[in-house]
C-alpha atoms as a PDB file:
ATOM      1  CA  UNK A   1       0.000   0.000   0.000  1.00  0.00           C
ATOM      2  CA  UNK A   2       1.170   3.509  -0.764  1.00  0.00           C
ATOM      3  CA  UNK A   3       2.573   5.779   1.895  1.00  0.00           C
ATOM      4  CA  UNK A   4       1.272   9.296   2.464  1.00  0.00           C
ATOM      5  CA  UNK A   5       4.437  10.685   0.874  1.00  0.00           C
ATOM      6  CA  UNK A   6       3.903   8.601  -2.269  1.00  0.00           C
ATOM      7  CA  UNK A   7       0.320   9.806  -2.547  1.00  0.00           C
ATOM      8  CA  UNK A   8       1.387  13.440  -2.126  1.00  0.00           C
ATOM      9  CA  UNK A   9       4.136  13.020  -4.725  1.00  0.00           C
ATOM     10  CA  UNK A  10       1.648  11.466  -7.167  1.00  0.00           C
ATOM     11  CA  UNK A  11      -0.820  14.329  -6.714  1.00  0.00           C
ATOM     12  CA  UNK A  12       2.000  16.851  -7.096  1.00  0.00           C
ATOM     13  CA  UNK A  13       3.262  15.184 -10.270  1.00  0.00           C
ATOM     14  CA  UNK A  14      -0.251  15.539 -11.711  1.00  0.00           C
ATOM     15  CA  UNK A  15      -0.409  19.335 -11.351  1.00  0.00           C
ATOM     16  CA  UNK A  16      -1.571  19.214  -7.734  1.00  0.00           C
ATOM     17  CA  UNK A  17      -5.068  17.820  -8.318  1.00  0.00           C
ATOM     18  CA  UNK A  18      -6.200  14.263  -9.083  1.00  0.00           C
ATOM     19  CA  UNK A  19      -9.557  12.435  -9.129  1.00  0.00           C
ATOM     20  CA  UNK A  20      -9.894   9.679  -6.523  1.00  0.00           C
ATOM     21  CA  UNK A  21     -10.406   7.085  -9.252  1.00  0.00           C
ATOM     22  CA  UNK A  22      -6.980   7.919 -10.736  1.00  0.00           C
ATOM     23  CA  UNK A  23      -5.314   7.612  -7.331  1.00  0.00           C
ATOM     24  CA  UNK A  24      -7.067   4.286  -6.740  1.00  0.00           C
ATOM     25  CA  UNK A  25      -6.033   2.971 -10.167  1.00  0.00           C
ATOM     26  CA  UNK A  26      -2.421   3.914  -9.468  1.00  0.00           C
ATOM     27  CA  UNK A  27      -2.073   2.476  -5.967  1.00  0.00           C
ATOM     28  CA  UNK A  28      -4.606  -0.356  -5.785  1.00  0.00           C
ATOM     29  CA  UNK A  29      -5.761  -1.248  -9.310  1.00  0.00           C
ATOM     30  CA  UNK A  30      -6.723  -4.884  -8.691  1.00  0.00           C
ATOM     31  CA  UNK A  31      -8.201  -4.465  -5.226  1.00  0.00           C
ATOM     32  CA  UNK A  32     -11.905  -3.657  -4.930  1.00  0.00           C
ATOM     33  CA  UNK A  33     -11.810  -2.504  -1.328  1.00  0.00           C
ATOM     34  CA  UNK A  34      -9.782   0.634  -0.861  1.00  0.00           C
ATOM     35  CA  UNK A  35     -10.067   1.228   2.866  1.00  0.00           C
ATOM     36  CA  UNK A  36      -6.296   1.569   3.393  1.00  0.00           C
ATOM     37  CA  UNK A  37      -6.029   4.111   0.598  1.00  0.00           C
ATOM     38  CA  UNK A  38      -9.074   5.958   1.912  1.00  0.00           C
ATOM     39  CA  UNK A  39      -7.541   5.991   5.395  1.00  0.00           C
ATOM     40  CA  UNK A  40      -4.305   7.479   4.047  1.00  0.00           C
ATOM     41  CA  UNK A  41      -6.227  10.182   2.198  1.00  0.00           C
ATOM     42  CA  UNK A  42      -8.346  10.869   5.279  1.00  0.00           C
ATOM     43  CA  UNK A  43      -5.168  11.263   7.375  1.00  0.00           C
ATOM     44  CA  UNK A  44      -3.733  13.703   4.839  1.00  0.00           C
ATOM     45  CA  UNK A  45      -7.022  15.610   4.907  1.00  0.00           C
ATOM     46  CA  UNK A  46      -6.937  15.815   8.721  1.00  0.00           C
ATOM     47  CA  UNK A  47      -3.371  17.141   8.535  1.00  0.00           C
ATOM     48  CA  UNK A  48      -4.682  19.772   6.091  1.00  0.00           C
ATOM     49  CA  UNK A  49      -2.173  18.678   3.457  1.00  0.00           C
ATOM     50  CA  UNK A  50      -4.880  17.806   0.930  1.00  0.00           C
ATOM     51  CA  UNK A  51      -8.457  18.831   0.486  1.00  0.00           C
ATOM     52  CA  UNK A  52     -11.249  17.376  -1.575  1.00  0.00           C
ATOM     53  CA  UNK A  53     -14.217  18.601  -3.537  1.00  0.00           C
ATOM     54  CA  UNK A  54     -17.124  16.737  -5.049  1.00  0.00           C
ATOM     55  CA  UNK A  55     -17.154  17.058  -8.798  1.00  0.00           C
ATOM     56  CA  UNK A  56     -19.569  16.175 -11.537  1.00  0.00           C
ATOM     57  CA  UNK A  57     -21.128  12.711 -11.602  1.00  0.00           C
ATOM     58  CA  UNK A  58     -20.126  11.952  -8.001  1.00  0.00           C
ATOM     59  CA  UNK A  59     -16.407  12.190  -8.722  1.00  0.00           C
ATOM     60  CA  UNK A  60     -14.137  13.262  -5.857  1.00  0.00           C
ATOM     61  CA  UNK A  61     -11.145  15.446  -6.663  1.00  0.00           C
ATOM     62  CA  UNK A  62      -8.204  15.604  -4.243  1.00  0.00           C
ATOM     63  CA  UNK A  63      -5.792  18.523  -4.365  1.00  0.00           C
ATOM     64  CA  UNK A  64      -2.790  19.692  -2.379  1.00  0.00           C
ATOM     65  CA  UNK A  65      -3.645  22.674  -0.218  1.00  0.00           C
ATOM     66  CA  UNK A  66      -0.441  22.914   1.841  1.00  0.00           C
ATOM     67  CA  UNK A  67       1.782  25.081  -0.335  1.00  0.00           C
ATOM     68  CA  UNK A  68       4.807  24.276   1.848  1.00  0.00           C
ATOM     69  CA  UNK A  69       4.824  20.898   0.105  1.00  0.00           C
ATOM     70  CA  UNK A  70       5.946  22.619  -3.114  1.00  0.00           C
ATOM     71  CA  UNK A  71       8.884  24.418  -1.490  1.00  0.00           C
ATOM     72  CA  UNK A  72      12.130  22.664  -2.234  1.00  0.00           C
END
């Protein structure tokens, strides 16, 4: 299962915003249940590193909201 850092890097590499389905396909493509991935995203949300919005057709979009992540 992906670490929080891997998830953040993936979102960052995709211009800072990614649909949940894309994240799921990347980190758990053959696994129907995605509770571990959802838990990781929930933890990142609680830390205010990512946020989410509901898009069209029930799609959920995750984006990085902690701009310190982009400082290198």
